[in-house]
Amino acid sequence: MAGMERTEAEPIRHSASDNACFQAIFRVLLVAGLLGLGLYILAGFLRALVWAVVLAVALWPLFARARRRLPPGRHNLLWPAVFTGLVALVLLLPVVALAVEAAREAHDLLAYAREAERNGIPVPAFVAHLPYGAEAVSAWWNAHLAHAGLAHELSERLNTASNRDLTRSLGAGLVHRVVLFGFCLLALFFLFREGDTVIAQGLRASHRLFGPRGERVARQMAASVHGTVDGLVLVGLGEGVLLGIVYALTGVPHPVLFGALTAVAAMIPFGAPLAFGLAAALLLAGGAVVPAVIVVAAGFVVTFVADHFVRPALIGGTTRLPFLWVLLGILGGVETFGLLGLFVGPAVMAALILLWREFTDGAEAVGDPGGQSPPVTEDVGVAVQGRDLPAAGGAPDRPGSPAR
């Protein structure tokens, strides 16, 4: 009887084991299918969503500090709304300033266009002072730009059906970008509001899927975003302010706008020379040779100090990542993802370098003796290179309670 019971029980155990195996396989397939379908549905908004995540990670230390000073109310709406509004204001102010300046200059531009249509564009004074090729440049200018009817010829060339289609596509693209910008701000608001829960769940999921290494990689990627903000955005703004002062002193037209343009260009490696080179070219076109030389010299000095001393110290000090890999991550990220790559590229490089160091030197090389991270279920605060983050596990902070 006992033998018969064992014989009958064995198929049941095998059947249960097979069912569990099949269920695991189908669960993986279901998750993969739903994940792929979700990414396909959100494909048009993924870039805006990633921008929202980058902005939330970059501003989270400041957000947590403000929340500690003045704890939010029951619904946790005040500080998320304030920070989202500040982000929108900072991003929209340059665009509004540029539009206002363009509207002011529209009258002068129309008058200049009418004068060019009647008499052409005269040869600039600096052409006669060129050390080489002055006669050739003057001859080309007189043949193509200095004669009457120039504007009429240009209008005939531009008045085509393809250009009208281009205008429609540009308008549609502008509307699409406005919608994406609004979606980015909306996502940023909810990331600020539910940031404690998102961070706790993200660290817990990283620990469960990849173990302690996954949690360390998540922290390192957040640290790389902070370092990139300090090393690229803040340093770029500093370069824009310094060179804006130089523009004002040397007589560059619209020094504030050129300073803002320089700040944006300086966030991209090797972008600042394009901005102050354009400013120097405008001075040179007006015959101001010495101020143009001063602008170029000051621009190269400021960018040399920023690129070789300030940025490596800020980015490398936060991520413990060699600046060469930071530079490669930035350039490759910009080429692949556009401006978003300024933050995604260094984050990926930081994660890869961390994994490589753990693989070659062990966990002690990355500051984790024994190779174990604290379990995510512990209700403790974690820090990313000295920056505050919510608890890695346990219950997230309730709205209205001060951040730990």
Protein backbone atom coordinates (compact mmCIF):
# COMPACT_ATOMS: atom_id res chain seq x y z
CA MET A 1 0.00 0.00 0.00
CA ALA A 2 2.80 2.40 0.87
CA GLY A 3 4.48 1.70 -2.48
CA MET A 4 1.25 2.38 -4.32
CA GLU A 5 0.80 5.69 -2.45
CA ARG A 6 4.34 6.77 -3.36
CA THR A 7 3.73 5.81 -7.01
CA GLU A 8 0.51 7.84 -7.13
CA ALA A 9 2.10 10.84 -5.39
CA GLU A 10 5.10 11.07 -7.72
CA PRO A 11 3.07 12.01 -10.87
CA ILE A 12 1.24 14.62 -8.82
CA ARG A 13 4.54 16.17 -7.72
CA HIS A 14 5.88 16.04 -11.29
CA SER A 15 2.68 17.60 -12.60
CA ALA A 16 2.84 20.43 -10.04
CA SER A 17 6.50 21.06 -10.90
CA ASP A 18 5.75 21.15 -14.63
CA ASN A 19 2.85 23.53 -14.04
CA ALA A 20 5.06 25.86 -12.00
CA CYS A 21 7.70 25.82 -14.75
CA PHE A 22 5.13 26.59 -17.43
CA GLN A 23 3.60 29.33 -15.30
CA ALA A 24 7.01 30.93 -14.79
CA ILE A 25 7.68 30.88 -18.54
CA PHE A 26 4.30 32.36 -19.37
CA ARG A 27 4.70 35.01 -16.67
CA VAL A 28 7.99 36.09 -18.24
CA LEU A 29 6.40 36.15 -21.69
CA LEU A 30 3.41 38.10 -20.38
CA VAL A 31 5.62 40.68 -18.66
CA ALA A 32 7.82 41.02 -21.75
CA GLY A 33 4.79 41.42 -24.01
CA LEU A 34 3.13 44.00 -21.77
CA LEU A 35 6.40 45.89 -21.38
CA GLY A 36 6.93 45.98 -25.14
CA LEU A 37 3.33 47.09 -25.70
CA GLY A 38 3.67 49.80 -23.07
CA LEU A 39 6.88 51.12 -24.64
CA TYR A 40 5.20 51.10 -28.05
CA ILE A 41 2.23 53.08 -26.71
CA LEU A 42 4.49 55.61 -24.95
CA ALA A 43 7.06 55.82 -27.76
CA GLY A 44 6.10 59.38 -28.65
CA PHE A 45 6.38 60.52 -25.02
CA LEU A 46 9.42 58.57 -23.84
CA ARG A 47 11.84 61.44 -24.45
CA ALA A 48 9.68 63.85 -22.44
CA LEU A 49 9.32 61.27 -19.67
CA VAL A 50 13.08 60.73 -19.50
CA TRP A 51 13.59 64.50 -19.36
CA ALA A 52 11.18 64.62 -16.40
CA VAL A 53 13.12 61.86 -14.63
CA VAL A 54 16.45 63.64 -15.24
CA LEU A 55 15.10 66.95 -13.93
CA ALA A 56 13.57 65.25 -10.89
CA VAL A 57 16.82 63.45 -10.03
CA ALA A 58 18.87 66.61 -10.55
CA LEU A 59 16.60 68.78 -8.38
CA TRP A 60 15.72 66.19 -5.73
CA PRO A 61 18.38 67.24 -3.15
CA LEU A 62 17.18 70.85 -3.32
CA PHE A 63 13.55 69.69 -3.22
CA ALA A 64 14.19 67.53 -0.15
CA ARG A 65 15.99 70.40 1.59
CA ALA A 66 13.08 72.78 0.93
CA ARG A 67 10.59 70.18 2.11
CA ARG A 68 12.49 69.76 5.38
CA ARG A 69 12.44 73.51 5.97
CA LEU A 70 8.70 73.77 5.33
CA PRO A 71 6.90 70.39 5.47
CA PRO A 72 4.13 70.05 2.88
CA GLY A 73 0.48 69.80 3.69
CA ARG A 74 -1.69 66.74 3.71
CA HIS A 75 -1.95 66.48 -0.07
CA ASN A 76 1.74 67.32 -0.76
CA LEU A 77 0.99 69.84 -3.51
CA LEU A 78 2.86 73.01 -2.54
CA TRP A 79 6.50 72.15 -3.17
CA PRO A 80 5.90 69.99 -6.27
CA ALA A 81 3.90 72.85 -7.81
CA VAL A 82 6.54 75.44 -6.82
CA PHE A 83 9.46 73.46 -8.24
CA THR A 84 7.59 72.54 -11.42
CA GLY A 85 6.66 76.19 -11.93
CA LEU A 86 10.28 77.27 -11.40
CA VAL A 87 11.49 74.74 -13.97
CA ALA A 88 8.92 75.98 -16.48
CA LEU A 89 9.92 79.58 -15.77
CA VAL A 90 13.64 78.91 -16.22
CA LEU A 91 13.07 77.04 -19.48
CA LEU A 92 10.59 79.52 -20.94
CA LEU A 93 12.30 82.78 -19.98
CA PRO A 94 15.05 82.58 -22.65
CA VAL A 95 12.47 81.75 -25.33
CA VAL A 96 10.22 84.64 -24.29
CA ALA A 97 13.18 87.04 -24.11
CA LEU A 98 14.29 85.98 -27.58
CA ALA A 99 10.76 86.43 -28.96
CA VAL A 100 10.44 89.90 -27.40
CA GLU A 101 13.83 90.94 -28.76
CA ALA A 102 12.92 89.61 -32.20
CA ALA A 103 9.67 91.59 -32.14
CA ARG A 104 11.59 94.74 -31.25
CA GLU A 105 14.04 94.21 -34.07
CA ALA A 106 11.36 93.33 -36.64
CA HIS A 107 10.78 96.97 -37.62
CA ASP A 108 14.49 97.64 -38.17
CA LEU A 109 14.82 94.36 -40.06
CA LEU A 110 11.98 95.25 -42.42
CA ALA A 111 13.51 98.68 -43.06
CA TYR A 112 16.87 97.06 -43.77
CA ALA A 113 15.23 94.58 -46.16
CA ARG A 114 13.54 97.41 -48.10
CA GLU A 115 16.83 99.28 -48.34
CA ALA A 116 18.57 96.11 -49.54
CA GLU A 117 15.88 95.62 -52.19
CA ARG A 118 16.42 99.15 -53.53
CA ASN A 119 20.19 99.46 -53.26
CA GLY A 120 21.57 96.06 -52.29
CA ILE A 121 23.81 95.28 -49.31
CA PRO A 122 27.01 97.36 -49.32
CA VAL A 123 30.36 95.72 -48.77
CA PRO A 124 31.24 95.79 -45.03
CA ALA A 125 34.14 98.00 -44.00
CA PHE A 126 36.16 95.14 -42.52
CA VAL A 127 36.50 93.43 -45.92
CA ALA A 128 38.92 96.12 -47.09
CA HIS A 129 41.13 95.42 -44.05
CA LEU A 130 41.38 91.66 -44.58
CA PRO A 131 45.03 90.59 -44.84
CA TYR A 132 44.31 88.17 -47.70
CA GLY A 133 41.61 87.94 -50.36
CA ALA A 134 40.09 91.39 -49.85
CA GLU A 135 39.69 92.03 -53.58
CA ALA A 136 38.16 88.61 -54.25
CA VAL A 137 35.67 88.96 -51.40
CA SER A 138 34.71 92.47 -52.53
CA ALA A 139 34.21 91.30 -56.13
CA TRP A 140 32.01 88.39 -55.04
CA TRP A 141 30.00 90.66 -52.71
CA ASN A 142 29.42 93.26 -55.44
CA ALA A 143 28.35 90.58 -57.91
CA HIS A 144 25.90 88.76 -55.63
CA LEU A 145 24.81 91.02 -52.77
CA ALA A 146 25.50 94.67 -53.56
CA HIS A 147 23.15 95.09 -56.52
CA ALA A 148 19.53 96.30 -56.44
CA GLY A 149 16.67 93.80 -56.55
CA LEU A 150 18.38 91.34 -54.20
CA ALA A 151 15.33 90.86 -52.01
CA HIS A 152 13.13 90.27 -55.07
CA GLU A 153 15.42 87.50 -56.30
CA LEU A 154 15.49 85.87 -52.89
CA SER A 155 11.70 86.00 -52.56
CA GLU A 156 11.29 84.33 -55.97
CA ARG A 157 13.63 81.53 -54.95
CA LEU A 158 11.90 81.00 -51.61
CA ASN A 159 8.32 81.21 -52.89
CA THR A 160 7.93 77.54 -53.77
CA ALA A 161 5.50 74.80 -52.79
CA SER A 162 8.23 72.86 -51.01
CA ASN A 163 8.95 75.81 -48.75
CA ARG A 164 5.25 76.16 -47.95
CA ASP A 165 5.19 72.49 -47.00
CA LEU A 166 8.29 73.07 -44.90
CA THR A 167 6.50 75.90 -43.09
CA ARG A 168 3.54 73.63 -42.32
CA SER A 169 5.81 70.87 -41.04
CA LEU A 170 7.69 73.35 -38.86
CA GLY A 171 4.40 74.57 -37.41
CA ALA A 172 3.25 71.02 -36.70
CA GLY A 173 6.61 70.23 -35.13
CA LEU A 174 6.35 73.30 -32.92
CA VAL A 175 2.90 72.27 -31.69
CA HIS A 176 4.16 68.74 -31.02
CA ARG A 177 7.08 70.06 -28.96
CA VAL A 178 4.77 72.30 -26.95
CA VAL A 179 2.62 69.26 -26.12
CA LEU A 180 5.72 67.27 -25.12
CA PHE A 181 6.89 70.15 -22.95
CA GLY A 182 3.54 70.22 -21.15
CA PHE A 183 3.65 66.45 -20.66
CA CYS A 184 7.20 66.72 -19.28
CA LEU A 185 6.09 69.32 -16.73
CA LEU A 186 3.09 67.20 -15.74
CA ALA A 187 5.27 64.12 -15.26
CA LEU A 188 7.79 66.19 -13.30
CA PHE A 189 5.06 67.39 -10.93
CA PHE A 190 3.96 63.84 -10.14
CA LEU A 191 7.56 62.67 -9.75
CA PHE A 192 8.11 65.38 -7.15
CA ARG A 193 4.84 64.53 -5.44
CA GLU A 194 5.39 60.76 -5.35
CA GLY A 195 9.19 60.85 -5.29
CA ASP A 196 9.56 59.01 -1.97
CA THR A 197 7.49 56.09 -3.18
CA VAL A 198 9.19 55.97 -6.59
CA ILE A 199 12.70 55.98 -5.09
CA ALA A 200 11.87 53.35 -2.47
CA GLN A 201 10.24 51.07 -5.04
CA GLY A 202 13.08 51.60 -7.53
CA LEU A 203 15.78 50.68 -5.02
CA ARG A 204 13.79 47.69 -3.80
CA ALA A 205 13.23 46.46 -7.36
CA SER A 206 16.92 46.93 -8.21
CA HIS A 207 17.91 44.94 -5.14
CA ARG A 208 15.48 42.11 -5.88
CA LEU A 209 16.34 41.86 -9.57
CA PHE A 210 20.11 42.37 -9.46
CA GLY A 211 21.08 42.11 -5.80
CA PRO A 212 23.23 44.67 -3.98
CA ARG A 213 25.01 45.57 -7.23
CA GLY A 214 21.75 46.74 -8.78
CA GLU A 215 21.11 49.07 -5.86
CA ARG A 216 24.64 50.48 -6.09
CA VAL A 217 24.29 51.01 -9.85
CA ALA A 218 21.05 52.94 -9.32
CA ARG A 219 22.74 55.18 -6.75
CA GLN A 220 25.76 55.71 -8.99
CA MET A 221 23.59 56.71 -11.95
CA ALA A 222 21.77 59.24 -9.76
CA ALA A 223 25.15 60.59 -8.61
CA SER A 224 26.26 60.95 -12.22
CA VAL A 225 23.19 63.06 -13.00
CA HIS A 226 24.00 65.33 -10.05
CA GLY A 227 27.62 65.61 -11.16
CA THR A 228 26.60 66.35 -14.73
CA VAL A 229 24.26 69.11 -13.58
CA ASP A 230 27.04 70.66 -11.48
CA GLY A 231 29.75 70.22 -14.10
CA LEU A 232 27.82 71.09 -17.25
CA VAL A 233 24.78 73.20 -16.41
CA LEU A 234 26.15 75.29 -13.54
CA VAL A 235 29.59 75.72 -15.10
CA GLY A 236 27.94 76.60 -18.43
CA LEU A 237 25.84 79.25 -16.72
CA GLY A 238 28.98 80.63 -15.09
CA GLU A 239 30.74 80.82 -18.46
CA GLY A 240 27.73 82.61 -19.92
CA VAL A 241 27.76 85.21 -17.13
CA LEU A 242 31.51 85.88 -17.40
CA LEU A 243 31.51 86.12 -21.18
CA GLY A 244 28.32 88.19 -21.08
CA ILE A 245 30.23 90.77 -19.04
CA VAL A 246 33.01 90.67 -21.64
CA TYR A 247 30.43 91.15 -24.41
CA ALA A 248 28.99 94.20 -22.65
CA LEU A 249 32.41 95.76 -22.11
CA THR A 250 33.58 95.20 -25.70
CA GLY A 251 30.39 96.49 -27.35
CA VAL A 252 28.87 93.25 -28.67
CA PRO A 253 25.26 93.92 -29.74
CA HIS A 254 22.66 92.41 -27.38
CA PRO A 255 25.18 91.15 -24.79
CA VAL A 256 22.50 89.57 -22.59
CA LEU A 257 21.19 87.38 -25.41
CA PHE A 258 24.70 86.45 -26.48
CA GLY A 259 25.53 85.61 -22.87
CA ALA A 260 22.49 83.32 -22.68
CA LEU A 261 23.47 81.72 -25.99
CA THR A 262 27.00 81.18 -24.69
CA ALA A 263 25.66 79.59 -21.48
CA VAL A 264 23.56 77.10 -23.45
CA ALA A 265 26.38 76.35 -25.89
CA ALA A 266 28.90 75.93 -23.05
CA MET A 267 26.86 73.04 -21.64
CA ILE A 268 27.93 71.03 -24.69
CA PRO A 269 31.65 70.24 -24.93
CA PHE A 270 33.40 72.50 -27.46
CA GLY A 271 30.18 74.50 -27.94
CA ALA A 272 31.24 77.76 -26.28
CA PRO A 273 33.78 78.72 -29.02
CA LEU A 274 30.94 78.79 -31.53
CA ALA A 275 29.07 81.37 -29.43
CA PHE A 276 31.92 83.74 -28.64
CA GLY A 277 33.30 83.23 -32.16
CA LEU A 278 30.00 84.52 -33.55
CA ALA A 279 30.16 87.51 -31.20
CA ALA A 280 33.72 88.25 -32.34
CA ALA A 281 32.64 87.95 -35.99
CA LEU A 282 29.93 90.58 -35.42
CA LEU A 283 32.49 92.92 -33.89
CA LEU A 284 34.85 92.27 -36.77
CA ALA A 285 32.07 93.01 -39.27
CA GLY A 286 31.66 96.41 -37.65
CA GLY A 287 35.37 97.15 -37.95
CA ALA A 288 36.14 96.64 -34.22
CA VAL A 289 39.22 94.45 -34.57
CA VAL A 290 40.72 94.93 -31.10
CA PRO A 291 37.44 94.21 -29.21
CA ALA A 292 36.98 91.09 -31.36
CA VAL A 293 40.46 89.87 -30.39
CA ILE A 294 39.66 90.56 -26.72
CA VAL A 295 36.43 88.52 -26.95
CA VAL A 296 38.23 85.56 -28.54
CA ALA A 297 41.08 85.67 -26.02
CA ALA A 298 38.76 85.96 -23.02
CA GLY A 299 36.55 83.19 -24.39
CA PHE A 300 39.43 80.76 -24.77
CA VAL A 301 40.77 81.57 -21.30
CA VAL A 302 37.37 81.06 -19.63
CA THR A 303 36.62 77.83 -21.49
CA PHE A 304 40.14 76.47 -20.89
CA VAL A 305 39.83 76.95 -17.13
CA ALA A 306 36.29 75.55 -17.06
CA ASP A 307 36.99 72.50 -19.24
CA HIS A 308 40.36 71.52 -17.75
CA PHE A 309 39.96 72.35 -14.06
CA VAL A 310 36.41 73.08 -12.90
CA ARG A 311 34.41 70.46 -14.80
CA PRO A 312 36.75 67.49 -14.11
CA ALA A 313 36.75 68.35 -10.40
CA LEU A 314 32.96 68.60 -10.18
CA ILE A 315 31.98 65.63 -12.34
CA GLY A 316 34.86 63.32 -11.43
CA GLY A 317 34.62 64.17 -7.73
CA THR A 318 30.95 63.20 -7.61
CA THR A 319 31.02 60.05 -9.72
CA ARG A 320 34.67 58.95 -9.24
CA LEU A 321 34.67 58.63 -13.01
CA PRO A 322 37.68 59.62 -15.17
CA PHE A 323 36.87 62.77 -17.10
CA LEU A 324 37.76 61.07 -20.39
CA TRP A 325 34.86 58.65 -19.93
CA VAL A 326 32.61 61.53 -18.90
CA LEU A 327 33.56 63.37 -22.09
CA LEU A 328 32.98 60.29 -24.24
CA GLY A 329 29.63 59.70 -22.55
CA ILE A 330 28.58 63.30 -23.16
CA LEU A 331 29.63 63.39 -26.81
CA GLY A 332 28.18 59.97 -27.59
CA GLY A 333 25.00 60.77 -25.69
CA VAL A 334 24.51 64.07 -27.52
CA GLU A 335 25.05 62.37 -30.87
CA THR A 336 22.57 59.61 -30.00
CA PHE A 337 19.90 61.33 -27.90
CA GLY A 338 20.43 65.05 -28.52
CA LEU A 339 20.52 67.33 -25.47
CA LEU A 340 19.08 64.51 -23.38
CA GLY A 341 22.35 62.67 -23.95
CA LEU A 342 24.14 65.27 -21.80
CA PHE A 343 22.72 63.41 -18.80
CA VAL A 344 21.99 59.91 -20.12
CA GLY A 345 25.49 59.39 -21.55
CA PRO A 346 27.45 60.06 -18.32
CA ALA A 347 24.91 58.03 -16.31
CA VAL A 348 25.43 54.98 -18.53
CA MET A 349 29.22 55.42 -18.43
CA ALA A 350 29.14 55.69 -14.63
CA ALA A 351 27.14 52.46 -14.34
CA LEU A 352 29.49 50.61 -16.72
CA ILE A 353 32.62 51.82 -14.90
CA LEU A 354 31.11 50.80 -11.55
CA LEU A 355 30.35 47.30 -12.83
CA TRP A 356 33.84 47.03 -14.31
CA ARG A 357 35.47 48.05 -11.02
CA GLU A 358 33.38 45.55 -9.09
CA PHE A 359 34.26 42.83 -11.59
CA THR A 360 38.01 43.53 -11.53
CA ASP A 361 38.62 44.75 -7.95
CA GLY A 362 35.65 43.48 -5.98
CA ALA A 363 33.10 45.37 -3.93
CA GLU A 364 35.78 46.89 -1.67
CA ALA A 365 36.96 49.04 -4.60
CA VAL A 366 33.62 50.82 -4.65
CA GLY A 367 33.40 51.40 -0.93
CA ASP A 368 31.41 48.32 0.14
CA PRO A 369 33.60 46.10 2.35
CA GLY A 370 32.36 42.57 2.44
CA GLY A 371 30.55 42.96 -0.84
CA GLN A 372 27.13 43.47 0.72
CA SER A 373 24.87 46.50 0.73
CA PRO A 374 22.37 47.10 3.50
CA PRO A 375 19.14 45.31 2.71
CA VAL A 376 16.55 47.56 1.21
CA THR A 377 14.03 46.60 3.87
CA GLU A 378 15.92 48.61 6.47
CA ASP A 379 14.26 51.91 7.23
CA VAL A 380 17.38 54.03 6.85
CA GLY A 381 18.19 57.05 4.72
CA VAL A 382 20.65 56.53 1.91
CA ALA A 383 23.00 59.12 0.47
CA VAL A 384 24.37 59.52 -3.03
CA GLN A 385 27.79 61.05 -2.58
CA GLY A 386 26.57 63.14 0.33
CA ARG A 387 23.16 64.00 -1.18
CA ASP A 388 19.95 63.10 0.63
CA LEU A 389 17.61 60.47 -0.69
CA PRO A 390 14.61 58.81 0.94
CA ALA A 391 14.79 55.42 2.55
CA ALA A 392 15.74 52.52 0.36
CA GLY A 393 13.04 50.34 1.75
CA GLY A 394 10.19 50.22 4.17
CA ALA A 395 7.25 52.55 4.04
CA PRO A 396 7.84 55.79 2.20
CA ASP A 397 7.33 59.12 3.89
CA ARG A 398 3.73 60.07 4.15
CA PRO A 399 2.68 63.37 2.58
CA GLY A 400 2.90 66.04 5.19
CA SER A 401 5.73 64.43 7.16
CA PRO A 402 9.24 65.88 7.01
CA ALA A 403 11.80 64.02 4.97
CA ARG A 404 14.17 61.97 7.10
